[in-house]
């Protein structure tokens, strides 16, 4: 069966009525986890206020104060990718529970050491790192589990409300934390954060195990590499991840050096908490206005938010008075939500379900570059002062925002989640072929006059092969017949190749249909070469390792037809039986 090319042109999303911001709260499961997350985020901001301030009091070193943020967020660089791969192949709820328990234990120990007066700068950094490990383990699973609790049309609103919970806590948590640490009760802030993690644990225990999207057994390394390849060869995702990473690097200076800038402005612990809270107030306003801003400004909203964040960051760094600094921070909070919520929702909608957690883990990893920016800003602040360091780094954000206008960033509402062609279904096929790796060879007979256009399509087909599972690709011509062109690509094993059929979407199918149109012979054909296991006595028989029912997969989903010449009678009979029903 040949898929109709007319059906393969990517469709614009069907017009839909705007979804109210608070609509996801009508879903009971989402409402429970959202409320628990709000409590947990409140504890987190008590932690983020108390930790840097305690380090400031112990050392009075801008670098060590910045390292508190660095140690808390550094685990994202180390663990986010494997955590994202695990979230696609194991129960997400289990990963989240492990992460919550790890975080709770670390801050409970921190509270005890602070209460007994035995907390040292190095203990604070070490326990902050363990806290970050717990957060990194559970964050990709949390990011992809929460939107799955609501209908697809509510995903952007669900992500926005998640940010809203975070920023409500940001608005009031630092102020409360500032009062607590100002009263010398940092241990209370740490203890409250430990207790807040139990709110998430309690709600998660009421949920059933989450559905595993990728049930194939494969190594963690292979699963992670597949996610990286998918993002690398999907340009909109790649560009968004690059912008996110640069945004995280250049903006980390504001939060990491806020205690030091507060001190330079003559403020104490309470004033520091108020400034931190005003960032959250601006972010909360962003939650309530982001959808209207998206509709009004369209594709200008995201790069404009990045640009304005950088400008207000420069104002904050050079602020001569706390009132000016407070106003700049409120604008920063607004633009922070406009930027990160929009990029988060866009990345999730651009990624298909089978690889979504891994792609989201790359997004979290990009945000996780904050410790690098925090460390660099702290080192610069040692020489030029905290305010100047913040201004210098945010000039980089200004440049990023200006460049983003020319990058053609994807716009929410102007694309659909990747989906299969309308007439496509997962066909019957061989369940197992021994041998690894599997080499797939597709051969065309083309007209010489079509060569340039054909090679253009082949370059696009190469990208699609890597997106759906291949890890090597090449193109050859027959030495004696230069217009006979063969494409080779390699996948790890037969199971991975069969998974490529399940990963078919409109973009892949359109490329395959265009490639088929160039053949001037009997039709482009496919050969599969799989390693035969001749050493293991328990290996399948040779007949069992030959292609049979898999031919139906190629006919059914618009892939290239198989070259069935030279098959054994047993294989031919199996193919005939499959076609007959």
Protein backbone atom coordinates (compact mmCIF):
# COMPACT_ATOMS: atom_id res chain seq x y z
CA UNK A 1 0.00 0.00 0.00
CA UNK A 2 1.31 3.44 -0.90
CA UNK A 3 0.49 6.27 1.42
CA UNK A 4 -1.29 9.10 -0.41
CA UNK A 5 1.17 12.04 -0.58
CA UNK A 6 -1.75 14.45 -0.38
CA UNK A 7 -2.35 13.27 3.16
CA UNK A 8 1.25 13.79 4.19
CA UNK A 9 1.49 17.57 4.00
CA UNK A 10 1.82 18.84 7.59
CA UNK A 11 -1.49 20.24 8.71
CA UNK A 12 -1.89 23.51 10.65
CA UNK A 13 -3.69 22.97 13.93
CA UNK A 14 -7.47 23.24 13.77
CA UNK A 15 -8.76 26.53 15.17
CA UNK A 16 -9.81 26.15 18.81
CA UNK A 17 -11.46 28.44 21.30
CA UNK A 18 -8.98 29.88 23.84
CA UNK A 19 -8.63 27.67 26.90
CA UNK A 20 -9.00 29.55 30.22
CA UNK A 21 -5.83 29.69 32.30
CA UNK A 22 -7.38 27.83 35.25
CA UNK A 23 -9.18 25.15 33.20
CA UNK A 24 -6.72 22.33 34.14
CA UNK A 25 -7.70 22.71 37.82
CA UNK A 26 -11.05 21.15 36.91
CA UNK A 27 -9.22 17.81 36.53
CA UNK A 28 -9.07 16.22 40.04
CA UNK A 29 -5.72 14.43 39.59
CA UNK A 30 -4.06 17.54 38.26
CA UNK A 31 -5.60 19.67 41.03
CA UNK A 32 -4.18 17.39 43.75
CA UNK A 33 -0.66 17.34 42.39
CA UNK A 34 -0.76 21.08 41.68
CA UNK A 35 -1.73 21.87 45.30
CA UNK A 36 0.99 19.59 46.64
CA UNK A 37 3.54 21.17 44.31
CA UNK A 38 2.56 24.61 45.60
CA UNK A 39 3.38 23.52 49.16
CA UNK A 40 6.65 21.93 48.02
CA UNK A 41 7.67 25.03 46.05
CA UNK A 42 7.04 27.16 49.13
CA UNK A 43 9.50 24.98 51.04
CA UNK A 44 11.95 25.27 48.17
CA UNK A 45 11.98 29.06 48.37
CA UNK A 46 12.45 28.97 52.10
CA UNK A 47 15.52 26.87 51.26
CA UNK A 48 16.73 29.18 48.48
CA UNK A 49 16.44 32.15 50.82
CA UNK A 50 18.01 30.52 53.86
CA UNK A 51 20.90 28.69 52.16
CA UNK A 52 22.66 31.64 50.48
CA UNK A 53 21.99 33.91 53.45
CA UNK A 54 23.48 31.42 55.92
CA UNK A 55 26.55 31.13 53.69
CA UNK A 56 26.74 34.94 53.52
CA UNK A 57 26.75 35.15 57.31
CA UNK A 58 29.34 32.37 57.68
CA UNK A 59 31.86 33.53 55.05
CA UNK A 60 30.95 36.95 53.56
CA UNK A 61 32.34 35.59 50.25
CA UNK A 62 30.45 36.35 47.01
CA UNK A 63 31.98 33.26 45.39
CA UNK A 64 30.87 30.88 48.16
CA UNK A 65 27.41 32.45 48.22
CA UNK A 66 27.12 31.85 44.47
CA UNK A 67 28.39 28.29 44.96
CA UNK A 68 25.31 27.49 47.06
CA UNK A 69 23.21 27.95 43.93
CA UNK A 70 25.85 26.15 41.88
CA UNK A 71 25.89 23.08 44.14
CA UNK A 72 22.09 22.94 44.17
CA UNK A 73 21.73 23.04 40.38
CA UNK A 74 24.94 21.26 39.29
CA UNK A 75 23.36 17.76 39.54
CA UNK A 76 21.12 18.69 36.61
CA UNK A 77 24.20 18.69 34.41
CA UNK A 78 25.14 15.21 35.60
CA UNK A 79 21.84 13.39 36.03
CA UNK A 80 19.11 15.02 33.98
CA UNK A 81 19.78 13.11 30.74
CA UNK A 82 19.78 9.62 32.32
CA UNK A 83 16.79 10.63 34.46
CA UNK A 84 14.92 11.65 31.32
CA UNK A 85 15.78 8.36 29.62
CA UNK A 86 14.54 6.43 32.65
CA UNK A 87 11.29 8.42 32.65
CA UNK A 88 10.51 7.05 29.16
CA UNK A 89 11.20 3.40 30.06
CA UNK A 90 10.23 2.98 33.74
CA UNK A 91 7.39 4.12 35.98
CA UNK A 92 7.58 7.91 36.37
CA UNK A 93 5.88 7.86 39.74
CA UNK A 94 8.65 5.67 41.18
CA UNK A 95 11.35 8.04 39.92
CA UNK A 96 9.54 10.99 41.47
CA UNK A 97 9.21 9.22 44.83
CA UNK A 98 12.93 8.42 44.89
CA UNK A 99 13.76 12.03 44.10
CA UNK A 100 11.42 13.42 46.76
CA UNK A 101 12.79 11.12 49.50
CA UNK A 102 16.39 11.97 48.59
CA UNK A 103 15.67 15.70 48.78
CA UNK A 104 13.76 15.40 52.05
CA UNK A 105 16.58 13.53 53.79
CA UNK A 106 19.24 16.03 52.68
CA UNK A 107 17.43 19.11 53.98
CA UNK A 108 16.42 17.31 57.19
CA UNK A 109 20.13 16.73 57.92
CA UNK A 110 20.81 20.37 57.05
CA UNK A 111 18.16 21.47 59.56
CA UNK A 112 19.66 19.33 62.34
CA UNK A 113 23.22 20.58 61.73
CA UNK A 114 22.03 24.19 61.70
CA UNK A 115 20.04 23.77 64.91
CA UNK A 116 23.03 22.21 66.67
CA UNK A 117 25.46 24.87 65.39
CA UNK A 118 27.62 22.34 63.54
CA UNK A 119 26.83 23.39 59.97
CA UNK A 120 29.96 24.42 58.05
CA UNK A 121 30.28 25.98 54.59
CA UNK A 122 31.36 22.65 53.13
CA UNK A 123 28.51 20.73 54.76
CA UNK A 124 26.11 23.32 53.37
CA UNK A 125 27.53 22.92 49.87
CA UNK A 126 27.57 19.12 50.10
CA UNK A 127 24.00 18.80 51.35
CA UNK A 128 22.82 21.33 48.76
CA UNK A 129 24.38 19.07 46.14
CA UNK A 130 22.48 16.02 47.48
CA UNK A 131 19.30 18.09 47.46
CA UNK A 132 19.99 18.91 43.82
CA UNK A 133 20.49 15.19 43.08
CA UNK A 134 17.00 14.44 44.38
CA UNK A 135 15.54 17.26 42.30
CA UNK A 136 17.38 16.11 39.15
CA UNK A 137 16.15 12.51 39.51
CA UNK A 138 12.49 13.46 39.62
CA UNK A 139 12.27 16.62 37.53
CA UNK A 140 12.01 15.16 33.97
CA UNK A 141 9.35 12.71 35.16
CA UNK A 142 7.43 15.52 36.87
CA UNK A 143 7.65 17.76 33.79
CA UNK A 144 6.12 15.09 31.53
CA UNK A 145 3.72 13.46 34.00
CA UNK A 146 1.84 16.61 34.95
CA UNK A 147 0.72 17.71 31.45
CA UNK A 148 -0.37 14.12 30.72
CA UNK A 149 -3.00 14.43 33.44
CA UNK A 150 -4.98 16.91 31.35
CA UNK A 151 -6.30 16.93 27.75
CA UNK A 152 -3.78 17.94 25.09
CA UNK A 153 -5.54 21.25 24.41
CA UNK A 154 -4.87 22.22 28.05
CA UNK A 155 -1.15 21.37 28.06
CA UNK A 156 0.12 24.95 27.76
CA UNK A 157 -2.28 26.07 30.51
CA UNK A 158 -1.21 23.16 32.75
CA UNK A 159 2.45 24.11 32.32
CA UNK A 160 1.54 27.74 32.96
CA UNK A 161 -0.25 26.80 36.19
CA UNK A 162 2.75 24.73 37.25
CA UNK A 163 4.79 27.88 36.81
CA UNK A 164 2.08 29.79 38.65
CA UNK A 165 2.40 27.50 41.67
CA UNK A 166 6.15 27.94 41.53
CA UNK A 167 5.88 31.71 41.35
CA UNK A 168 3.20 32.09 44.01
CA UNK A 169 5.75 30.38 46.24
CA UNK A 170 8.45 32.65 44.82
CA UNK A 171 6.35 35.70 45.70
CA UNK A 172 5.72 34.81 49.35
CA UNK A 173 8.39 32.24 50.19
CA UNK A 174 11.42 34.55 50.12
CA UNK A 175 9.64 37.17 52.24
CA UNK A 176 8.75 34.53 54.84
CA UNK A 177 12.25 33.08 54.54
CA UNK A 178 13.79 36.52 55.00
CA UNK A 179 11.86 37.02 58.24
CA UNK A 180 12.85 33.54 59.44
CA UNK A 181 16.58 33.90 58.71
CA UNK A 182 16.52 37.48 60.02
CA UNK A 183 15.29 36.05 63.33
CA UNK A 184 18.13 33.52 63.36
CA UNK A 185 15.85 30.54 62.63
CA UNK A 186 17.43 29.17 59.45
CA UNK A 187 17.04 25.62 60.81
CA UNK A 188 13.26 26.17 60.81
CA UNK A 189 13.35 27.08 57.11
CA UNK A 190 15.33 23.94 56.32
CA UNK A 191 13.00 21.77 58.38
CA UNK A 192 9.91 23.23 56.72
CA UNK A 193 11.38 22.42 53.32
CA UNK A 194 12.01 18.81 54.39
CA UNK A 195 8.37 18.51 55.47
CA UNK A 196 7.11 20.07 52.22
CA UNK A 197 8.55 17.22 50.17
CA UNK A 198 6.22 14.86 52.00
CA UNK A 199 3.24 16.68 50.45
CA UNK A 200 4.33 15.49 47.00
CA UNK A 201 5.02 12.00 48.33
CA UNK A 202 1.54 11.76 49.83
CA UNK A 203 -0.18 12.72 46.58
CA UNK A 204 2.02 10.49 44.43
CA UNK A 205 1.11 7.48 46.55
CA UNK A 206 -2.54 8.00 45.55
CA UNK A 207 -1.65 7.73 41.85
CA UNK A 208 -1.39 4.41 39.97
CA UNK A 209 1.85 3.59 38.25
CA UNK A 210 2.36 5.75 35.19
CA UNK A 211 2.25 4.28 31.68
CA UNK A 212 5.67 3.48 30.23
CA UNK A 213 5.94 5.02 26.76
CA UNK A 214 8.92 2.99 25.49
CA UNK A 215 8.62 -0.66 26.56
CA UNK A 216 11.63 -1.93 24.60
CA UNK A 217 14.51 -3.23 26.67
CA UNK A 218 17.63 -1.23 25.91
CA UNK A 219 20.58 0.19 27.77
CA UNK A 220 20.30 3.55 29.49
CA UNK A 221 23.08 4.85 27.26
CA UNK A 222 21.26 3.85 24.05
CA UNK A 223 18.01 5.34 25.26
CA UNK A 224 19.72 8.60 26.19
CA UNK A 225 21.60 8.76 22.88
CA UNK A 226 18.34 8.30 20.96
CA UNK A 227 16.84 11.32 22.72
CA UNK A 228 19.91 13.42 21.96
CA UNK A 229 19.82 12.41 18.27
CA UNK A 230 16.13 13.22 18.00
CA UNK A 231 16.70 16.74 19.36
CA UNK A 232 19.83 17.26 17.28
CA UNK A 233 18.07 16.44 14.01
CA UNK A 234 14.86 18.34 14.79
CA UNK A 235 15.79 21.97 14.09
CA UNK A 236 13.00 23.74 16.05
CA UNK A 237 13.87 21.77 19.18
CA UNK A 238 17.59 22.28 18.65
CA UNK A 239 17.19 26.05 18.32
CA UNK A 240 14.93 26.28 21.37
CA UNK A 241 17.41 24.30 23.47
CA UNK A 242 20.23 26.61 22.38
CA UNK A 243 18.26 29.73 23.29
CA UNK A 244 17.28 28.18 26.64
CA UNK A 245 20.89 27.30 27.47
CA UNK A 246 22.18 30.80 26.69
CA UNK A 247 19.30 32.36 28.60
CA UNK A 248 20.12 30.23 31.66
CA UNK A 249 23.84 31.11 31.45
CA UNK A 250 23.36 34.86 31.17
CA UNK A 251 20.50 35.29 33.67
CA UNK A 252 21.77 33.08 36.53
CA UNK A 253 23.69 36.03 37.95
CA UNK A 254 20.54 37.75 39.24
CA UNK A 255 19.37 35.03 41.61
CA UNK A 256 22.83 33.79 42.59
CA UNK A 257 24.17 37.26 43.48
CA UNK A 258 20.94 38.73 44.86
CA UNK A 259 22.09 38.38 48.52
CA UNK A 260 25.31 40.25 47.75
CA UNK A 261 23.55 42.99 45.74
CA UNK A 262 21.06 43.35 48.61
CA UNK A 263 23.94 43.88 51.01
CA UNK A 264 25.50 46.46 48.65
CA UNK A 265 22.15 48.30 48.66
CA UNK A 266 22.23 48.40 52.47
CA UNK A 267 19.48 45.80 53.01
CA UNK A 268 19.32 43.08 55.65
CA UNK A 269 17.73 39.64 55.57
CA UNK A 270 14.17 40.98 55.44
CA UNK A 271 14.98 43.37 52.59
CA UNK A 272 16.65 40.53 50.71
CA UNK A 273 13.52 38.41 51.13
CA UNK A 274 11.31 41.25 49.88
CA UNK A 275 13.45 41.74 46.77
CA UNK A 276 13.37 38.02 46.07
CA UNK A 277 9.62 38.03 46.57
CA UNK A 278 9.12 40.90 44.09
CA UNK A 279 10.72 38.76 41.41
CA UNK A 280 8.03 36.21 42.24
CA UNK A 281 5.28 38.85 42.12
CA UNK A 282 6.35 39.79 38.60
CA UNK A 283 6.41 36.11 37.67
CA UNK A 284 2.90 35.63 39.04
CA UNK A 285 1.66 38.52 36.88
CA UNK A 286 3.36 36.74 33.99
CA UNK A 287 1.35 33.58 34.71
CA UNK A 288 -1.91 35.52 34.55
CA UNK A 289 -1.04 37.48 31.40
CA UNK A 290 1.12 35.12 29.33
CA UNK A 291 -1.70 33.76 27.17
CA UNK A 292 -2.99 37.23 26.33
CA UNK A 293 0.53 38.37 25.52
CA UNK A 294 1.00 35.34 23.25
CA UNK A 295 -2.17 36.15 21.31
CA UNK A 296 -1.33 39.85 21.04
CA UNK A 297 2.36 39.67 20.17
CA UNK A 298 2.55 36.28 18.42
CA UNK A 299 6.06 35.35 17.32
CA UNK A 300 7.48 38.56 18.80
CA UNK A 301 6.58 37.62 22.37
CA UNK A 302 9.36 35.12 23.09
CA UNK A 303 12.36 37.05 21.71
CA UNK A 304 10.87 40.28 23.12
CA UNK A 305 10.64 38.74 26.60
CA UNK A 306 14.29 37.68 26.44
CA UNK A 307 15.34 41.17 25.32
CA UNK A 308 13.36 42.97 28.05
CA UNK A 309 14.67 40.58 30.70
CA UNK A 310 18.22 41.53 29.74
CA UNK A 311 17.48 45.26 29.82
CA UNK A 312 15.83 45.09 33.25
CA UNK A 313 18.73 42.93 34.48
CA UNK A 314 21.19 45.65 33.49
CA UNK A 315 19.04 48.21 35.34
CA UNK A 316 19.01 45.97 38.42
CA UNK A 317 22.79 45.61 38.37
CA UNK A 318 23.35 49.38 38.24
CA UNK A 319 20.36 50.28 40.47
CA UNK A 320 21.27 53.21 42.77
CA UNK A 321 18.35 52.60 45.15
CA UNK A 322 16.37 49.58 46.43
CA UNK A 323 13.16 50.89 44.83
CA UNK A 324 14.77 50.87 41.36
CA UNK A 325 16.15 47.39 42.03
CA UNK A 326 12.71 46.19 43.14
CA UNK A 327 11.01 47.49 39.98
CA UNK A 328 13.65 45.88 37.77
CA UNK A 329 13.27 42.54 39.55
CA UNK A 330 9.49 42.58 39.07
CA UNK A 331 9.99 43.05 35.31
CA UNK A 332 12.57 40.23 35.39
CA UNK A 333 10.02 37.92 36.98
CA UNK A 334 7.39 38.76 34.36
CA UNK A 335 9.76 38.09 31.47
CA UNK A 336 11.12 34.95 33.16
CA UNK A 337 7.67 33.33 33.00
CA UNK A 338 6.96 34.57 29.48
CA UNK A 339 10.25 33.02 28.33
CA UNK A 340 10.56 29.72 30.18
CA UNK A 341 6.91 28.68 30.25
CA UNK A 342 6.60 29.32 26.53
CA UNK A 343 9.78 27.40 25.70
CA UNK A 344 8.82 24.52 28.02
CA UNK A 345 5.36 24.11 26.47
CA UNK A 346 6.76 24.45 22.95
CA UNK A 347 9.43 21.79 23.48
CA UNK A 348 6.88 19.35 24.92
CA UNK A 349 4.47 19.85 22.03
CA UNK A 350 7.23 19.46 19.43
CA UNK A 351 8.34 16.09 20.85
CA UNK A 352 6.31 12.89 20.27
CA UNK A 353 5.30 10.86 23.30
CA UNK A 354 7.83 8.05 22.75
CA UNK A 355 10.79 10.41 23.27
CA UNK A 356 9.19 13.30 25.18
CA UNK A 357 10.81 12.72 28.58
CA UNK A 358 14.24 12.55 26.98
CA UNK A 359 13.68 15.77 25.04
CA UNK A 360 12.33 17.47 28.16
CA UNK A 361 15.42 16.28 30.04
CA UNK A 362 17.52 18.15 27.48
CA UNK A 363 15.44 21.25 28.16
CA UNK A 364 15.96 20.80 31.92
CA UNK A 365 19.67 20.28 31.24
CA UNK A 366 19.77 23.56 29.33
CA UNK A 367 18.19 25.31 32.31
CA UNK A 368 20.70 23.39 34.43
CA UNK A 369 23.52 25.46 32.96
CA UNK A 370 22.60 28.05 35.60
CA UNK A 371 25.38 26.84 37.96
CA UNK A 372 27.95 27.58 35.28
CA UNK A 373 26.57 31.09 34.90
CA UNK A 374 26.31 31.49 38.68
CA UNK A 375 29.93 30.42 39.18
CA UNK A 376 31.21 32.74 36.44
CA UNK A 377 29.17 35.65 37.79
CA UNK A 378 30.43 35.02 41.32
CA UNK A 379 34.03 34.92 40.12
CA UNK A 380 33.57 38.20 38.22
CA UNK A 381 31.86 39.77 41.25
CA UNK A 382 34.95 39.09 43.38
CA UNK A 383 36.82 41.58 41.19
CA UNK A 384 34.29 44.17 40.01
CA UNK A 385 31.42 43.94 42.49
CA UNK A 386 28.14 42.05 42.39
CA UNK A 387 26.04 44.77 40.73
CA UNK A 388 28.49 45.27 37.88
CA UNK A 389 28.77 41.49 37.35
CA UNK A 390 24.97 41.21 37.07
CA UNK A 391 24.87 44.05 34.53
CA UNK A 392 27.66 42.54 32.42
CA UNK A 393 25.98 39.13 32.22
CA UNK A 394 22.60 40.61 31.37
CA UNK A 395 24.11 42.52 28.48
CA UNK A 396 24.59 39.02 27.07
CA UNK A 397 20.84 38.42 27.56
CA UNK A 398 20.11 41.61 25.61
CA UNK A 399 22.24 40.34 22.73
CA UNK A 400 20.48 36.96 22.87
CA UNK A 401 17.05 38.60 22.69
CA UNK A 402 18.07 40.70 19.71
CA UNK A 403 19.39 37.63 17.90
CA UNK A 404 16.27 35.57 18.74
CA UNK A 405 14.13 37.80 16.50
CA UNK A 406 16.02 36.38 13.50
CA UNK A 407 16.03 32.69 14.50
CA UNK A 408 12.49 31.82 13.39
CA UNK A 409 11.51 30.30 16.73
CA UNK A 410 8.43 28.03 16.65
CA UNK A 411 5.27 29.72 17.92
CA UNK A 412 2.72 28.07 20.19
CA UNK A 413 -0.59 27.69 18.40
CA UNK A 414 1.00 27.45 14.95
CA UNK A 415 1.92 23.75 14.99
CA UNK A 416 0.56 20.39 16.13
CA UNK A 417 2.14 17.57 18.10
CA UNK A 418 3.89 15.12 15.70
CA UNK A 419 1.39 12.49 14.56
CA UNK A 420 1.15 9.61 12.10
CA UNK A 421 -0.59 9.90 8.71
CA UNK A 422 -4.35 9.51 8.85
CA UNK A 423 -4.34 6.14 7.06
CA UNK A 424 -1.45 4.63 8.99
CA UNK A 425 -1.58 1.88 11.60
CA UNK A 426 1.01 -0.36 13.23
CA UNK A 427 1.07 -3.44 10.98
CA UNK A 428 1.80 -7.08 11.72
CA UNK A 429 5.47 -7.93 11.37
CA UNK A 430 8.16 -10.33 12.48
CA UNK A 431 8.59 -10.25 16.22
CA UNK A 432 12.25 -11.18 16.32
CA UNK A 433 15.28 -11.36 14.06
CA UNK A 434 18.55 -12.29 15.71
CA UNK A 435 21.70 -10.33 15.10
CA UNK A 436 23.07 -6.90 15.83
CA UNK A 437 23.45 -4.36 14.34
CA UNK A 438 20.93 -4.26 11.49
CA UNK A 439 21.93 -2.64 8.19
CA UNK A 440 19.10 -1.37 5.97
CA UNK A 441 19.83 -0.73 2.27
CA UNK A 442 17.35 1.14 0.03
CA UNK A 443 18.10 1.27 -3.72
CA UNK A 444 16.74 3.68 -6.36
CA UNK A 445 17.11 3.89 -10.13
CA UNK A 446 16.95 7.60 -10.95
CA UNK A 447 17.24 9.87 -13.99
CA UNK A 448 20.51 11.74 -14.19
CA UNK A 449 18.58 15.01 -14.62
CA UNK A 450 16.87 14.40 -11.26
CA UNK A 451 20.11 13.84 -9.35
CA UNK A 452 20.35 17.26 -7.70
CA UNK A 453 16.74 17.26 -6.51
CA UNK A 454 17.08 13.62 -5.42
CA UNK A 455 20.12 14.40 -3.28
CA UNK A 456 18.23 17.26 -1.64
CA UNK A 457 15.56 14.77 -0.57
CA UNK A 458 18.23 12.32 0.57
CA UNK A 459 19.70 14.94 2.88
CA UNK A 460 16.26 15.38 4.41
CA UNK A 461 15.78 11.60 4.58
CA UNK A 462 19.09 11.30 6.43
CA UNK A 463 17.74 13.66 9.10
CA UNK A 464 14.57 11.61 9.41
CA UNK A 465 16.52 8.35 9.80
CA UNK A 466 18.51 9.79 12.70
CA UNK A 467 15.36 11.21 14.32
CA UNK A 468 13.69 7.80 14.34
CA UNK A 469 16.52 5.54 15.51
CA UNK A 470 19.44 5.21 13.07
CA UNK A 471 22.94 5.92 14.35
CA UNK A 472 24.86 5.71 11.03
CA UNK A 473 23.86 6.80 7.51
CA UNK A 474 25.57 6.90 4.11
CA UNK A 475 24.75 7.11 0.37
CA UNK A 476 26.48 5.12 -2.41
CA UNK A 477 26.19 4.79 -6.18
CA UNK A 478 26.75 1.64 -8.21
CA UNK A 479 30.23 1.81 -9.75
CA UNK A 480 28.96 0.45 -13.10
CA UNK A 481 25.52 2.13 -13.11
CA UNK A 482 25.95 5.61 -11.56
CA UNK A 483 22.20 6.28 -11.57
CA UNK A 484 21.57 3.33 -9.24
CA UNK A 485 21.78 4.92 -5.79
CA UNK A 486 21.69 3.02 -2.50
CA UNK A 487 21.01 4.50 0.91
CA UNK A 488 22.45 2.64 3.91
CA UNK A 489 21.53 3.23 7.54
CA UNK A 490 22.32 1.26 10.67
CA UNK A 491 20.19 0.67 13.75
CA UNK A 492 21.26 -1.16 16.86
CA UNK A 493 19.06 -4.23 16.44
CA UNK A 494 15.89 -5.53 14.78
CA UNK A 495 13.67 -4.28 17.57
CA UNK A 496 14.97 -0.76 17.02
CA UNK A 497 14.24 -0.97 13.29
CA UNK A 498 10.68 -2.14 13.92
CA UNK A 499 10.25 0.75 16.35
CA UNK A 500 10.92 3.09 13.43
CA UNK A 501 7.58 2.06 11.94
CA UNK A 502 5.80 3.00 15.17
CA UNK A 503 7.58 6.38 15.13
CA UNK A 504 6.16 7.33 11.75
CA UNK A 505 4.78 10.88 11.64
CA UNK A 506 3.63 13.21 8.88
CA UNK A 507 7.07 14.70 8.36
CA UNK A 508 8.75 11.30 7.99
CA UNK A 509 6.00 9.96 5.73
CA UNK A 510 6.12 13.03 3.49
CA UNK A 511 9.88 12.62 3.02
CA UNK A 512 9.49 8.92 2.18
CA UNK A 513 6.75 9.67 -0.36
CA UNK A 514 8.92 12.27 -2.09
CA UNK A 515 11.88 9.86 -2.13
CA UNK A 516 9.77 7.09 -3.71
CA UNK A 517 8.71 9.40 -6.53
CA UNK A 518 12.27 9.57 -7.94
CA UNK A 519 12.57 5.88 -8.80
CA UNK A 520 12.38 5.08 -12.52
CA UNK A 521 12.63 1.31 -12.25
CA UNK A 522 10.21 -1.18 -10.72
CA UNK A 523 10.18 0.83 -7.50
CA UNK A 524 12.85 1.47 -4.85
CA UNK A 525 13.51 -1.67 -2.84
CA UNK A 526 14.86 -2.45 0.59
CA UNK A 527 17.31 -5.08 1.78
CA UNK A 528 17.97 -5.86 5.44
CA UNK A 529 21.24 -7.33 6.71
CA UNK A 530 21.21 -8.68 10.24
CA UNK A 531 24.09 -10.36 11.98
CA UNK A 532 23.63 -14.12 12.23
CA UNK A 533 24.50 -15.67 15.56
CA UNK A 534 26.41 -18.86 14.71
CA UNK A 535 28.14 -19.26 18.07
CA UNK A 536 25.36 -19.38 20.66
CA UNK A 537 23.78 -22.88 20.66
CA UNK A 538 20.51 -21.39 21.93
CA UNK A 539 20.25 -18.92 19.02
CA UNK A 540 17.17 -19.14 16.73
CA UNK A 541 17.38 -21.31 13.65
CA UNK A 542 18.39 -19.77 10.32
CA UNK A 543 14.78 -19.90 9.04
CA UNK A 544 13.61 -18.00 12.12
CA UNK A 545 16.14 -15.26 11.42
CA UNK A 546 15.01 -14.68 7.81
CA UNK A 547 12.61 -11.86 6.94
CA UNK A 548 9.00 -12.94 6.62
CA UNK A 549 6.02 -10.98 7.89
CA UNK A 550 8.07 -7.79 8.12
CA UNK A 551 7.39 -7.23 4.39
CA UNK A 552 3.83 -6.28 5.36
CA UNK A 553 5.15 -3.42 7.50
CA UNK A 554 6.85 -1.82 4.52
CA UNK A 555 3.77 -2.13 2.34
CA UNK A 556 1.36 -0.90 4.99
CA UNK A 557 2.97 2.27 6.28
CA UNK A 558 4.36 3.84 3.10
CA UNK A 559 7.95 2.64 3.60
CA UNK A 560 9.94 1.28 0.69
CA UNK A 561 9.01 -2.23 -0.58
CA UNK A 562 11.30 -5.09 0.22
CA UNK A 563 13.53 -6.83 -2.30
CA UNK A 564 12.27 -10.38 -1.82
CA UNK A 565 14.50 -12.05 -4.41
CA UNK A 566 16.49 -14.92 -3.06
CA UNK A 567 14.27 -15.65 -0.09
CA UNK A 568 13.87 -19.24 0.97
CA UNK A 569 10.69 -21.20 0.28
CA UNK A 570 9.92 -21.06 3.97
CA UNK A 571 10.22 -17.28 4.02
CA UNK A 572 8.15 -16.92 0.84
CA UNK A 573 5.41 -19.11 2.24
CA UNK A 574 5.38 -17.11 5.49
CA UNK A 575 5.06 -13.88 3.52
CA UNK A 576 2.22 -15.33 1.43
CA UNK A 577 0.43 -16.46 4.60
CA UNK A 578 0.77 -13.01 6.13
CA UNK A 579 -0.71 -11.36 3.03
CA UNK A 580 -3.59 -13.83 2.96
CA UNK A 581 -4.62 -12.96 6.47
